[in-house]
Amino acid sequence: MSNENTDRIIIDLCKDKLNIDLKPEAIDCSHRLYAKEGNHKPILVKFTSKNSKNLVYKNKSKLKGSKIVIKEDLTKLRHQLFKETVKKFDKPVWTTDGKILVNINNSIKHVKTFADLG
């Protein structure tokens, strides 16, 4: 078992890449997830407050062009719906608080079910 300090990795990432001074108290827990062979093991983070989570999510666009991605941990069904939404629309798709959103003609559409994909 690794002695890797994933909390510290997240705090340093926020400071160095997102310009956020995230305090250790803002993280409830964090750990690496298993990954398929050849892939990096992602880190799952649980924040102590919604404000901390929202601050990180608000600044995640600063990572564009890097190999670092910040995503929500969705249920298997929500993740499948997200992937299908990305396939269906040639538009920006993202999640916020588990909601799947897509920008269609400058209007934000909330995709709730597979039926919403038409």
PDB file of N, CA and C in Angstrom:
ATOM      1  N   MET A   1       0.843  -1.190   0.000  1.00  0.00           N
ATOM      2  CA  MET A   1       0.000   0.000   0.000  1.00  0.00           C
ATOM      3  C   MET A   1       0.885   1.249   0.000  1.00  0.00           C
ATOM      4  N   SER A   2       0.526   2.232  -0.761  1.00  0.00           N
ATOM      5  CA  SER A   2       1.317   3.443  -0.937  1.00  0.00           C
ATOM      6  C   SER A   2       1.107   4.417   0.218  1.00  0.00           C
ATOM      7  N   ASN A   3       2.156   5.156   0.534  1.00  0.00           N
ATOM      8  CA  ASN A   3       2.062   6.214   1.540  1.00  0.00           C
ATOM      9  C   ASN A   3       1.836   7.570   0.886  1.00  0.00           C
ATOM     10  N   GLU A   4       1.371   7.556  -0.344  1.00  0.00           N
ATOM     11  CA  GLU A   4       1.135   8.778  -1.096  1.00  0.00           C
ATOM     12  C   GLU A   4       0.104   9.653  -0.387  1.00  0.00           C
ATOM     13  N   ASN A   5       0.390  10.936  -0.285  1.00  0.00           N
ATOM     14  CA  ASN A   5      -0.520  11.878   0.355  1.00  0.00           C
ATOM     15  C   ASN A   5      -1.359  12.561  -0.733  1.00  0.00           C
ATOM     16  N   THR A   6      -2.509  11.966  -1.040  1.00  0.00           N
ATOM     17  CA  THR A   6      -3.348  12.497  -2.119  1.00  0.00           C
ATOM     18  C   THR A   6      -3.963  13.850  -1.751  1.00  0.00           C
ATOM     19  N   ASP A   7      -4.201  14.088  -0.459  1.00  0.00           N
ATOM     20  CA  ASP A   7      -4.693  15.409  -0.047  1.00  0.00           C
ATOM     21  C   ASP A   7      -3.682  16.479  -0.458  1.00  0.00           C
ATOM     22  N   ARG A   8      -2.409  16.213  -0.191  1.00  0.00           N
ATOM     23  CA  ARG A   8      -1.341  17.170  -0.520  1.00  0.00           C
ATOM     24  C   ARG A   8      -1.253  17.378  -2.036  1.00  0.00           C
ATOM     25  N   ILE A   9      -1.417  16.314  -2.800  1.00  0.00           N
ATOM     26  CA  ILE A   9      -1.388  16.430  -4.265  1.00  0.00           C
ATOM     27  C   ILE A   9      -2.494  17.378  -4.733  1.00  0.00           C
ATOM     28  N   ILE A  10      -3.686  17.239  -4.166  1.00  0.00           N
ATOM     29  CA  ILE A  10      -4.820  18.091  -4.539  1.00  0.00           C
ATOM     30  C   ILE A  10      -4.565  19.537  -4.123  1.00  0.00           C
ATOM     31  N   ILE A  11      -4.082  19.740  -2.912  1.00  0.00           N
ATOM     32  CA  ILE A  11      -3.798  21.093  -2.419  1.00  0.00           C
ATOM     33  C   ILE A  11      -2.752  21.773  -3.299  1.00  0.00           C
ATOM     34  N   ASP A  12      -1.693  21.032  -3.639  1.00  0.00           N
ATOM     35  CA  ASP A  12      -0.640  21.590  -4.501  1.00  0.00           C
ATOM     36  C   ASP A  12      -1.160  21.883  -5.908  1.00  0.00           C
ATOM     37  N   LEU A  13      -1.989  21.000  -6.447  1.00  0.00           N
ATOM     38  CA  LEU A  13      -2.585  21.228  -7.764  1.00  0.00           C
ATOM     39  C   LEU A  13      -3.409  22.510  -7.755  1.00  0.00           C
ATOM     40  N   CYS A  14      -4.223  22.670  -6.720  1.00  0.00           N
ATOM     41  CA  CYS A  14      -5.064  23.864  -6.625  1.00  0.00           C
ATOM     42  C   CYS A  14      -4.210  25.127  -6.552  1.00  0.00           C
ATOM     43  N   LYS A  15      -3.134  25.071  -5.785  1.00  0.00           N
ATOM     44  CA  LYS A  15      -2.252  26.235  -5.643  1.00  0.00           C
ATOM     45  C   LYS A  15      -1.502  26.530  -6.940  1.00  0.00           C
ATOM     46  N   ASP A  16      -0.867  25.509  -7.505  1.00  0.00           N
ATOM     47  CA  ASP A  16       0.023  25.698  -8.655  1.00  0.00           C
ATOM     48  C   ASP A  16      -0.702  25.882  -9.981  1.00  0.00           C
ATOM     49  N   LYS A  17      -1.805  25.201 -10.172  1.00  0.00           N
ATOM     50  CA  LYS A  17      -2.490  25.216 -11.471  1.00  0.00           C
ATOM     51  C   LYS A  17      -3.772  26.048 -11.493  1.00  0.00           C
ATOM     52  N   LEU A  18      -4.462  26.116 -10.345  1.00  0.00           N
ATOM     53  CA  LEU A  18      -5.747  26.816 -10.313  1.00  0.00           C
ATOM     54  C   LEU A  18      -5.685  28.152  -9.581  1.00  0.00           C
ATOM     55  N   ASN A  19      -4.520  28.444  -8.967  1.00  0.00           N
ATOM     56  CA  ASN A  19      -4.346  29.674  -8.178  1.00  0.00           C
ATOM     57  C   ASN A  19      -5.370  29.774  -7.047  1.00  0.00           C
ATOM     58  N   ILE A  20      -5.609  28.639  -6.379  1.00  0.00           N
ATOM     59  CA  ILE A  20      -6.540  28.571  -5.255  1.00  0.00           C
ATOM     60  C   ILE A  20      -5.752  28.147  -4.023  1.00  0.00           C
ATOM     61  N   ASP A  21      -5.956  28.871  -2.922  1.00  0.00           N
ATOM     62  CA  ASP A  21      -5.317  28.505  -1.658  1.00  0.00           C
ATOM     63  C   ASP A  21      -6.271  27.584  -0.887  1.00  0.00           C
ATOM     64  N   LEU A  22      -6.295  26.327  -1.295  1.00  0.00           N
ATOM     65  CA  LEU A  22      -7.177  25.345  -0.664  1.00  0.00           C
ATOM     66  C   LEU A  22      -6.527  24.846   0.623  1.00  0.00           C
ATOM     67  N   LYS A  23      -7.232  24.950   1.722  1.00  0.00           N
ATOM     68  CA  LYS A  23      -6.720  24.518   3.028  1.00  0.00           C
ATOM     69  C   LYS A  23      -6.960  23.022   3.206  1.00  0.00           C
ATOM     70  N   PRO A  24      -6.102  22.352   3.973  1.00  0.00           N
ATOM     71  CA  PRO A  24      -6.298  20.914   4.225  1.00  0.00           C
ATOM     72  C   PRO A  24      -7.678  20.594   4.807  1.00  0.00           C
ATOM     73  N   GLU A  25      -8.235  21.524   5.571  1.00  0.00           N
ATOM     74  CA  GLU A  25      -9.551  21.315   6.187  1.00  0.00           C
ATOM     75  C   GLU A  25     -10.669  21.264   5.149  1.00  0.00           C
ATOM     76  N   ALA A  26     -10.386  21.706   3.924  1.00  0.00           N
ATOM     77  CA  ALA A  26     -11.407  21.706   2.864  1.00  0.00           C
ATOM     78  C   ALA A  26     -11.610  20.319   2.267  1.00  0.00           C
ATOM     79  N   ILE A  27     -10.684  19.388   2.571  1.00  0.00           N
ATOM     80  CA  ILE A  27     -10.776  18.030   2.031  1.00  0.00           C
ATOM     81  C   ILE A  27     -11.168  17.071   3.146  1.00  0.00           C
ATOM     82  N   ASP A  28     -12.288  16.397   2.958  1.00  0.00           N
ATOM     83  CA  ASP A  28     -12.733  15.387   3.919  1.00  0.00           C
ATOM     84  C   ASP A  28     -11.873  14.138   3.769  1.00  0.00           C
ATOM     85  N   CYS A  29     -11.735  13.656   2.537  1.00  0.00           N
ATOM     86  CA  CYS A  29     -10.882  12.496   2.260  1.00  0.00           C
ATOM     87  C   CYS A  29     -10.574  12.454   0.767  1.00  0.00           C
ATOM     88  N   SER A  30      -9.498  11.746   0.446  1.00  0.00           N
ATOM     89  CA  SER A  30      -9.130  11.557  -0.958  1.00  0.00           C
ATOM     90  C   SER A  30      -8.337  10.269  -1.078  1.00  0.00           C
ATOM     91  N   HIS A  31      -8.433   9.649  -2.243  1.00  0.00           N
ATOM     92  CA  HIS A  31      -7.668   8.425  -2.492  1.00  0.00           C
ATOM     93  C   HIS A  31      -7.640   8.146  -3.981  1.00  0.00           C
ATOM     94  N   ARG A  32      -6.676   7.329  -4.374  1.00  0.00           N
ATOM     95  CA  ARG A  32      -6.562   6.928  -5.776  1.00  0.00           C
ATOM     96  C   ARG A  32      -7.597   5.856  -6.086  1.00  0.00           C
ATOM     97  N   LEU A  33      -8.082   5.864  -7.311  1.00  0.00           N
ATOM     98  CA  LEU A  33      -8.970   4.820  -7.811  1.00  0.00           C
ATOM     99  C   LEU A  33      -8.152   3.865  -8.664  1.00  0.00           C
ATOM    100  N   TYR A  34      -8.674   2.688  -8.881  1.00  0.00           N
ATOM    101  CA  TYR A  34      -8.020   1.746  -9.784  1.00  0.00           C
ATOM    102  C   TYR A  34      -8.181   2.252 -11.209  1.00  0.00           C
ATOM    103  N   ALA A  35      -7.228   1.923 -12.034  1.00  0.00           N
ATOM    104  CA  ALA A  35      -7.283   2.332 -13.437  1.00  0.00           C
ATOM    105  C   ALA A  35      -6.969   1.141 -14.317  1.00  0.00           C
ATOM    106  N   LYS A  36      -7.457   1.220 -15.541  1.00  0.00           N
ATOM    107  CA  LYS A  36      -7.113   0.190 -16.514  1.00  0.00           C
ATOM    108  C   LYS A  36      -5.615   0.269 -16.773  1.00  0.00           C
ATOM    109  N   GLU A  37      -5.043  -0.847 -17.158  1.00  0.00           N
ATOM    110  CA  GLU A  37      -3.608  -0.903 -17.397  1.00  0.00           C
ATOM    111  C   GLU A  37      -3.184   0.171 -18.400  1.00  0.00           C
ATOM    112  N   GLY A  38      -2.130   0.868 -18.058  1.00  0.00           N
ATOM    113  CA  GLY A  38      -1.614   1.909 -18.936  1.00  0.00           C
ATOM    114  C   GLY A  38      -2.201   3.288 -18.679  1.00  0.00           C
ATOM    115  N   ASN A  39      -3.271   3.355 -17.909  1.00  0.00           N
ATOM    116  CA  ASN A  39      -3.885   4.643 -17.589  1.00  0.00           C
ATOM    117  C   ASN A  39      -3.414   5.124 -16.223  1.00  0.00           C
ATOM    118  N   HIS A  40      -3.452   6.427 -16.028  1.00  0.00           N
ATOM    119  CA  HIS A  40      -3.132   6.988 -14.726  1.00  0.00           C
ATOM    120  C   HIS A  40      -4.279   6.702 -13.767  1.00  0.00           C
ATOM    121  N   LYS A  41      -3.947   6.521 -12.503  1.00  0.00           N
ATOM    122  CA  LYS A  41      -4.977   6.294 -11.498  1.00  0.00           C
ATOM    123  C   LYS A  41      -5.532   7.646 -11.053  1.00  0.00           C
ATOM    124  N   PRO A  42      -6.815   7.880 -11.281  1.00  0.00           N
ATOM    125  CA  PRO A  42      -7.394   9.158 -10.859  1.00  0.00           C
ATOM    126  C   PRO A  42      -7.497   9.248  -9.342  1.00  0.00           C
ATOM    127  N   ILE A  43      -7.618  10.464  -8.849  1.00  0.00           N
ATOM    128  CA  ILE A  43      -7.802  10.708  -7.420  1.00  0.00           C
ATOM    129  C   ILE A  43      -9.246  11.140  -7.201  1.00  0.00           C
ATOM    130  N   LEU A  44      -9.923  10.478  -6.280  1.00  0.00           N
ATOM    131  CA  LEU A  44     -11.282  10.836  -5.887  1.00  0.00           C
ATOM    132  C   LEU A  44     -11.182  11.719  -4.645  1.00  0.00           C
ATOM    133  N   VAL A  45     -11.855  12.866  -4.669  1.00  0.00           N
ATOM    134  CA  VAL A  45     -11.795  13.822  -3.562  1.00  0.00           C
ATOM    135  C   VAL A  45     -13.202  14.093  -3.051  1.00  0.00           C
ATOM    136  N   LYS A  46     -13.345  14.075  -1.732  1.00  0.00           N
ATOM    137  CA  LYS A  46     -14.598  14.499  -1.102  1.00  0.00           C
ATOM    138  C   LYS A  46     -14.288  15.775  -0.324  1.00  0.00           C
ATOM    139  N   PHE A  47     -14.950  16.855  -0.709  1.00  0.00           N
ATOM    140  CA  PHE A  47     -14.733  18.139  -0.047  1.00  0.00           C
ATOM    141  C   PHE A  47     -15.619  18.248   1.191  1.00  0.00           C
ATOM    142  N   THR A  48     -15.188  19.069   2.150  1.00  0.00           N
ATOM    143  CA  THR A  48     -15.970  19.248   3.374  1.00  0.00           C
ATOM    144  C   THR A  48     -17.121  20.226   3.174  1.00  0.00           C
ATOM    145  N   SER A  49     -17.016  21.047   2.133  1.00  0.00           N
ATOM    146  CA  SER A  49     -18.103  22.000   1.879  1.00  0.00           C
ATOM    147  C   SER A  49     -18.360  22.129   0.383  1.00  0.00           C
ATOM    148  N   LYS A  50     -19.578  22.477   0.089  1.00  0.00           N
ATOM    149  CA  LYS A  50     -19.958  22.701  -1.307  1.00  0.00           C
ATOM    150  C   LYS A  50     -19.210  23.911  -1.873  1.00  0.00           C
ATOM    151  N   ASN A  51     -18.933  24.893  -1.019  1.00  0.00           N
ATOM    152  CA  ASN A  51     -18.206  26.084  -1.467  1.00  0.00           C
ATOM    153  C   ASN A  51     -16.814  25.729  -1.970  1.00  0.00           C
ATOM    154  N   SER A  52     -16.116  24.847  -1.267  1.00  0.00           N
ATOM    155  CA  SER A  52     -14.775  24.429  -1.695  1.00  0.00           C
ATOM    156  C   SER A  52     -14.850  23.702  -3.026  1.00  0.00           C
ATOM    157  N   LYS A  53     -15.799  22.787  -3.135  1.00  0.00           N
ATOM    158  CA  LYS A  53     -15.971  22.042  -4.385  1.00  0.00           C
ATOM    159  C   LYS A  53     -16.273  22.997  -5.533  1.00  0.00           C
ATOM    160  N   ASN A  54     -17.199  23.923  -5.310  1.00  0.00           N
ATOM    161  CA  ASN A  54     -17.589  24.865  -6.359  1.00  0.00           C
ATOM    162  C   ASN A  54     -16.426  25.761  -6.782  1.00  0.00           C
ATOM    163  N   LEU A  55     -15.579  26.142  -5.827  1.00  0.00           N
ATOM    164  CA  LEU A  55     -14.419  26.971  -6.146  1.00  0.00           C
ATOM    165  C   LEU A  55     -13.465  26.227  -7.077  1.00  0.00           C
ATOM    166  N   VAL A  56     -13.222  24.962  -6.788  1.00  0.00           N
ATOM    167  CA  VAL A  56     -12.351  24.151  -7.638  1.00  0.00           C
ATOM    168  C   VAL A  56     -12.986  23.974  -9.016  1.00  0.00           C
ATOM    169  N   TYR A  57     -14.264  23.646  -9.053  1.00  0.00           N
ATOM    170  CA  TYR A  57     -14.952  23.422 -10.334  1.00  0.00           C
ATOM    171  C   TYR A  57     -15.007  24.700 -11.165  1.00  0.00           C
ATOM    172  N   LYS A  58     -15.185  25.830 -10.503  1.00  0.00           N
ATOM    173  CA  LYS A  58     -15.251  27.115 -11.205  1.00  0.00           C
ATOM    174  C   LYS A  58     -13.928  27.428 -11.909  1.00  0.00           C
ATOM    175  N   ASN A  59     -12.827  26.959 -11.354  1.00  0.00           N
ATOM    176  CA  ASN A  59     -11.500  27.267 -11.889  1.00  0.00           C
ATOM    177  C   ASN A  59     -10.891  26.157 -12.733  1.00  0.00           C
ATOM    178  N   LYS A  60     -11.605  25.052 -12.918  1.00  0.00           N
ATOM    179  CA  LYS A  60     -11.023  23.907 -13.627  1.00  0.00           C
ATOM    180  C   LYS A  60     -10.699  24.201 -15.088  1.00  0.00           C
ATOM    181  N   SER A  61     -11.304  25.224 -15.665  1.00  0.00           N
ATOM    182  CA  SER A  61     -11.002  25.568 -17.062  1.00  0.00           C
ATOM    183  C   SER A  61      -9.553  26.023 -17.225  1.00  0.00           C
ATOM    184  N   LYS A  62      -8.897  26.403 -16.135  1.00  0.00           N
ATOM    185  CA  LYS A  62      -7.481  26.792 -16.187  1.00  0.00           C
ATOM    186  C   LYS A  62      -6.590  25.606 -16.546  1.00  0.00           C
ATOM    187  N   LEU A  63      -7.133  24.403 -16.457  1.00  0.00           N
ATOM    188  CA  LEU A  63      -6.371  23.193 -16.777  1.00  0.00           C
ATOM    189  C   LEU A  63      -6.467  22.827 -18.253  1.00  0.00           C
ATOM    190  N   LYS A  64      -7.260  23.575 -19.008  1.00  0.00           N
ATOM    191  CA  LYS A  64      -7.440  23.273 -20.432  1.00  0.00           C
ATOM    192  C   LYS A  64      -6.078  23.243 -21.128  1.00  0.00           C
ATOM    193  N   GLY A  65      -5.876  22.210 -21.927  1.00  0.00           N
ATOM    194  CA  GLY A  65      -4.613  22.047 -22.626  1.00  0.00           C
ATOM    195  C   GLY A  65      -3.588  21.240 -21.854  1.00  0.00           C
ATOM    196  N   SER A  66      -3.886  20.938 -20.596  1.00  0.00           N
ATOM    197  CA  SER A  66      -2.990  20.089 -19.805  1.00  0.00           C
ATOM    198  C   SER A  66      -3.556  18.665 -19.809  1.00  0.00           C
ATOM    199  N   LYS A  67      -2.848  17.765 -19.199  1.00  0.00           N
ATOM    200  CA  LYS A  67      -3.323  16.380 -19.122  1.00  0.00           C
ATOM    201  C   LYS A  67      -4.168  16.143 -17.877  1.00  0.00           C
ATOM    202  N   ILE A  68      -4.426  17.196 -17.119  1.00  0.00           N
ATOM    203  CA  ILE A  68      -5.189  17.086 -15.876  1.00  0.00           C
ATOM    204  C   ILE A  68      -6.646  17.434 -16.151  1.00  0.00           C
ATOM    205  N   VAL A  69      -7.547  16.592 -15.656  1.00  0.00           N
ATOM    206  CA  VAL A  69      -8.982  16.792 -15.854  1.00  0.00           C
ATOM    207  C   VAL A  69      -9.673  16.677 -14.504  1.00  0.00           C
ATOM    208  N   ILE A  70     -10.618  17.558 -14.254  1.00  0.00           N
ATOM    209  CA  ILE A  70     -11.435  17.487 -13.042  1.00  0.00           C
ATOM    210  C   ILE A  70     -12.853  17.165 -13.478  1.00  0.00           C
ATOM    211  N   LYS A  71     -13.371  16.054 -12.955  1.00  0.00           N
ATOM    212  CA  LYS A  71     -14.722  15.610 -13.311  1.00  0.00           C
ATOM    213  C   LYS A  71     -15.469  15.206 -12.047  1.00  0.00           C
ATOM    214  N   GLU A  72     -16.785  15.243 -12.151  1.00  0.00           N
ATOM    215  CA  GLU A  72     -17.618  14.744 -11.061  1.00  0.00           C
ATOM    216  C   GLU A  72     -17.624  13.223 -11.079  1.00  0.00           C
ATOM    217  N   ASP A  73     -17.807  12.642  -9.923  1.00  0.00           N
ATOM    218  CA  ASP A  73     -17.948  11.193  -9.799  1.00  0.00           C
ATOM    219  C   ASP A  73     -19.431  10.867  -9.975  1.00  0.00           C
ATOM    220  N   LEU A  74     -19.788  10.424 -11.163  1.00  0.00           N
ATOM    221  CA  LEU A  74     -21.188  10.138 -11.492  1.00  0.00           C
ATOM    222  C   LEU A  74     -21.518   8.670 -11.247  1.00  0.00           C
ATOM    223  N   THR A  75     -22.799   8.389 -11.031  1.00  0.00           N
ATOM    224  CA  THR A  75     -23.233   7.000 -10.963  1.00  0.00           C
ATOM    225  C   THR A  75     -23.018   6.375 -12.336  1.00  0.00           C
ATOM    226  N   LYS A  76     -23.037   5.067 -12.391  1.00  0.00           N
ATOM    227  CA  LYS A  76     -22.827   4.376 -13.666  1.00  0.00           C
ATOM    228  C   LYS A  76     -23.876   4.806 -14.694  1.00  0.00           C
ATOM    229  N   LEU A  77     -25.123   4.901 -14.275  1.00  0.00           N
ATOM    230  CA  LEU A  77     -26.201   5.303 -15.186  1.00  0.00           C
ATOM    231  C   LEU A  77     -26.010   6.740 -15.668  1.00  0.00           C
ATOM    232  N   ARG A  78     -25.687   7.663 -14.751  1.00  0.00           N
ATOM    233  CA  ARG A  78     -25.474   9.064 -15.139  1.00  0.00           C
ATOM    234  C   ARG A  78     -24.275   9.177 -16.081  1.00  0.00           C
ATOM    235  N   HIS A  79     -23.233   8.372 -15.818  1.00  0.00           N
ATOM    236  CA  HIS A  79     -22.052   8.398 -16.680  1.00  0.00           C
ATOM    237  C   HIS A  79     -22.401   7.913 -18.092  1.00  0.00           C
ATOM    238  N   GLN A  80     -23.211   6.860 -18.179  1.00  0.00           N
ATOM    239  CA  GLN A  80     -23.652   6.372 -19.495  1.00  0.00           C
ATOM    240  C   GLN A  80     -24.468   7.440 -20.219  1.00  0.00           C
ATOM    241  N   LEU A  81     -25.361   8.093 -19.484  1.00  0.00           N
ATOM    242  CA  LEU A  81     -26.174   9.159 -20.072  1.00  0.00           C
ATOM    243  C   LEU A  81     -25.282  10.317 -20.530  1.00  0.00           C
ATOM    244  N   PHE A  82     -24.278  10.648 -19.738  1.00  0.00           N
ATOM    245  CA  PHE A  82     -23.334  11.704 -20.115  1.00  0.00           C
ATOM    246  C   PHE A  82     -22.619  11.349 -21.422  1.00  0.00           C
ATOM    247  N   LYS A  83     -22.102  10.124 -21.508  1.00  0.00           N
ATOM    248  CA  LYS A  83     -21.392   9.694 -22.719  1.00  0.00           C
ATOM    249  C   LYS A  83     -22.306   9.729 -23.944  1.00  0.00           C
ATOM    250  N   GLU A  84     -23.540   9.286 -23.791  1.00  0.00           N
ATOM    251  CA  GLU A  84     -24.490   9.310 -24.906  1.00  0.00           C
ATOM    252  C   GLU A  84     -24.832  10.748 -25.308  1.00  0.00           C
ATOM    253  N   THR A  85     -24.898  11.637 -24.327  1.00  0.00           N
ATOM    254  CA  THR A  85     -25.175  13.046 -24.615  1.00  0.00           C
ATOM    255  C   THR A  85     -24.032  13.648 -25.427  1.00  0.00           C
ATOM    256  N   VAL A  86     -22.808  13.323 -25.060  1.00  0.00           N
ATOM    257  CA  VAL A  86     -21.637  13.803 -25.802  1.00  0.00           C
ATOM    258  C   VAL A  86     -21.681  13.295 -27.239  1.00  0.00           C
ATOM    259  N   LYS A  87     -22.037  12.008 -27.410  1.00  0.00           N
ATOM    260  CA  LYS A  87     -22.128  11.430 -28.761  1.00  0.00           C
ATOM    261  C   LYS A  87     -23.222  12.102 -29.594  1.00  0.00           C
ATOM    262  N   LYS A  88     -24.357  12.359 -28.966  1.00  0.00           N
ATOM    263  CA  LYS A  88     -25.539  12.873 -29.674  1.00  0.00           C
ATOM    264  C   LYS A  88     -25.347  14.312 -30.160  1.00  0.00           C
ATOM    265  N   PHE A  89     -24.800  15.148 -29.285  1.00  0.00           N
ATOM    266  CA  PHE A  89     -24.688  16.569 -29.605  1.00  0.00           C
ATOM    267  C   PHE A  89     -23.238  16.923 -29.932  1.00  0.00           C
ATOM    268  N   ASP A  90     -23.060  17.695 -30.955  1.00  0.00           N
ATOM    269  CA  ASP A  90     -21.733  18.207 -31.289  1.00  0.00           C
ATOM    270  C   ASP A  90     -21.593  19.581 -30.628  1.00  0.00           C
ATOM    271  N   LYS A  91     -21.846  19.599 -29.330  1.00  0.00           N
ATOM    272  CA  LYS A  91     -21.874  20.835 -28.544  1.00  0.00           C
ATOM    273  C   LYS A  91     -21.176  20.577 -27.214  1.00  0.00           C
ATOM    274  N   PRO A  92     -20.825  21.651 -26.489  1.00  0.00           N
ATOM    275  CA  PRO A  92     -20.237  21.460 -25.157  1.00  0.00           C
ATOM    276  C   PRO A  92     -21.223  20.769 -24.206  1.00  0.00           C
ATOM    277  N   VAL A  93     -20.741  19.731 -23.515  1.00  0.00           N
ATOM    278  CA  VAL A  93     -21.535  18.993 -22.522  1.00  0.00           C
ATOM    279  C   VAL A  93     -20.724  18.964 -21.232  1.00  0.00           C
ATOM    280  N   TRP A  94     -21.376  19.190 -20.103  1.00  0.00           N
ATOM    281  CA  TRP A  94     -20.689  19.162 -18.814  1.00  0.00           C
ATOM    282  C   TRP A  94     -21.666  18.752 -17.727  1.00  0.00           C
ATOM    283  N   THR A  95     -21.138  18.527 -16.530  1.00  0.00           N
ATOM    284  CA  THR A  95     -21.987  18.177 -15.396  1.00  0.00           C
ATOM    285  C   THR A  95     -21.778  19.186 -14.274  1.00  0.00           C
ATOM    286  N   THR A  96     -22.842  19.422 -13.538  1.00  0.00           N
ATOM    287  CA  THR A  96     -22.814  20.253 -12.342  1.00  0.00           C
ATOM    288  C   THR A  96     -23.750  19.620 -11.330  1.00  0.00           C
ATOM    289  N   ASP A  97     -23.209  19.252 -10.184  1.00  0.00           N
ATOM    290  CA  ASP A  97     -24.004  18.599  -9.127  1.00  0.00           C
ATOM    291  C   ASP A  97     -24.771  17.396  -9.658  1.00  0.00           C
ATOM    292  N   GLY A  98     -24.149  16.637 -10.543  1.00  0.00           N
ATOM    293  CA  GLY A  98     -24.763  15.434 -11.093  1.00  0.00           C
ATOM    294  C   GLY A  98     -25.716  15.686 -12.249  1.00  0.00           C
ATOM    295  N   LYS A  99     -25.984  16.961 -12.546  1.00  0.00           N
ATOM    296  CA  LYS A  99     -26.859  17.309 -13.669  1.00  0.00           C
ATOM    297  C   LYS A  99     -26.033  17.341 -14.945  1.00  0.00           C
ATOM    298  N   ILE A 100     -26.580  16.783 -16.002  1.00  0.00           N
ATOM    299  CA  ILE A 100     -25.916  16.792 -17.306  1.00  0.00           C
ATOM    300  C   ILE A 100     -26.487  17.952 -18.108  1.00  0.00           C
ATOM    301  N   LEU A 101     -25.595  18.838 -18.533  1.00  0.00           N
ATOM    302  CA  LEU A 101     -26.003  20.051 -19.230  1.00  0.00           C
ATOM    303  C   LEU A 101     -25.330  20.122 -20.591  1.00  0.00           C
ATOM    304  N   VAL A 102     -26.063  20.658 -21.561  1.00  0.00           N
ATOM    305  CA  VAL A 102     -25.524  20.826 -22.910  1.00  0.00           C
ATOM    306  C   VAL A 102     -25.931  22.213 -23.417  1.00  0.00           C
ATOM    307  N   ASN A 103     -25.001  22.875 -24.090  1.00  0.00           N
ATOM    308  CA  ASN A 103     -25.261  24.204 -24.647  1.00  0.00           C
ATOM    309  C   ASN A 103     -25.700  24.050 -26.101  1.00  0.00           C
ATOM    310  N   ILE A 104     -26.983  24.318 -26.346  1.00  0.00           N
ATOM    311  CA  ILE A 104     -27.536  24.225 -27.697  1.00  0.00           C
ATOM    312  C   ILE A 104     -28.039  25.605 -28.093  1.00  0.00           C
ATOM    313  N   ASN A 105     -27.400  26.188 -29.101  1.00  0.00           N
ATOM    314  CA  ASN A 105     -27.791  27.514 -29.599  1.00  0.00           C
ATOM    315  C   ASN A 105     -27.881  28.551 -28.477  1.00  0.00           C
ATOM    316  N   ASN A 106     -26.839  28.605 -27.653  1.00  0.00           N
ATOM    317  CA  ASN A 106     -26.749  29.548 -26.531  1.00  0.00           C
ATOM    318  C   ASN A 106     -27.849  29.368 -25.494  1.00  0.00           C
ATOM    319  N   SER A 107     -28.405  28.181 -25.434  1.00  0.00           N
ATOM    320  CA  SER A 107     -29.408  27.842 -24.427  1.00  0.00           C
ATOM    321  C   SER A 107     -28.950  26.567 -23.723  1.00  0.00           C
ATOM    322  N   ILE A 108     -28.980  26.577 -22.399  1.00  0.00           N
ATOM    323  CA  ILE A 108     -28.535  25.428 -21.623  1.00  0.00           C
ATOM    324  C   ILE A 108     -29.700  24.458 -21.453  1.00  0.00           C
ATOM    325  N   LYS A 109     -29.506  23.221 -21.909  1.00  0.00           N
ATOM    326  CA  LYS A 109     -30.526  22.176 -21.788  1.00  0.00           C
ATOM    327  C   LYS A 109     -30.063  21.173 -20.736  1.00  0.00           C
ATOM    328  N   HIS A 110     -30.959  20.816 -19.821  1.00  0.00           N
ATOM    329  CA  HIS A 110     -30.690  19.823 -18.786  1.00  0.00           C
ATOM    330  C   HIS A 110     -31.156  18.461 -19.303  1.00  0.00           C
ATOM    331  N   VAL A 111     -30.228  17.544 -19.496  1.00  0.00           N
ATOM    332  CA  VAL A 111     -30.553  16.198 -19.973  1.00  0.00           C
ATOM    333  C   VAL A 111     -30.773  15.320 -18.743  1.00  0.00           C
ATOM    334  N   LYS A 112     -32.011  14.876 -18.557  1.00  0.00           N
ATOM    335  CA  LYS A 112     -32.364  14.102 -17.364  1.00  0.00           C
ATOM    336  C   LYS A 112     -32.430  12.607 -17.629  1.00  0.00           C
ATOM    337  N   THR A 113     -32.875  12.233 -18.834  1.00  0.00           N
ATOM    338  CA  THR A 113     -33.048  10.819 -19.162  1.00  0.00           C
ATOM    339  C   THR A 113     -32.592  10.562 -20.598  1.00  0.00           C
ATOM    340  N   PHE A 114     -32.479   9.289 -20.948  1.00  0.00           N
ATOM    341  CA  PHE A 114     -32.126   8.924 -22.321  1.00  0.00           C
ATOM    342  C   PHE A 114     -33.189   9.416 -23.304  1.00  0.00           C
ATOM    343  N   ALA A 115     -34.434   9.529 -22.848  1.00  0.00           N
ATOM    344  CA  ALA A 115     -35.515  10.025 -23.710  1.00  0.00           C
ATOM    345  C   ALA A 115     -35.268  11.472 -24.133  1.00  0.00           C
ATOM    346  N   ASP A 116     -34.555  12.235 -23.314  1.00  0.00           N
ATOM    347  CA  ASP A 116     -34.244  13.628 -23.658  1.00  0.00           C
ATOM    348  C   ASP A 116     -33.301  13.733 -24.850  1.00  0.00           C
ATOM    349  N   LEU A 117     -32.667  12.628 -25.199  1.00  0.00           N
ATOM    350  CA  LEU A 117     -31.734  12.637 -26.325  1.00  0.00           C
ATOM    351  C   LEU A 117     -32.449  12.501 -27.660  1.00  0.00           C
ATOM    352  N   GLY A 118     -33.742  12.185 -27.583  1.00  0.00           N
ATOM    353  CA  GLY A 118     -34.570  12.096 -28.782  1.00  0.00           C
ATOM    354  C   GLY A 118     -34.183  10.983 -29.639  1.00  0.00           C
TER     355      GLY A 118
END
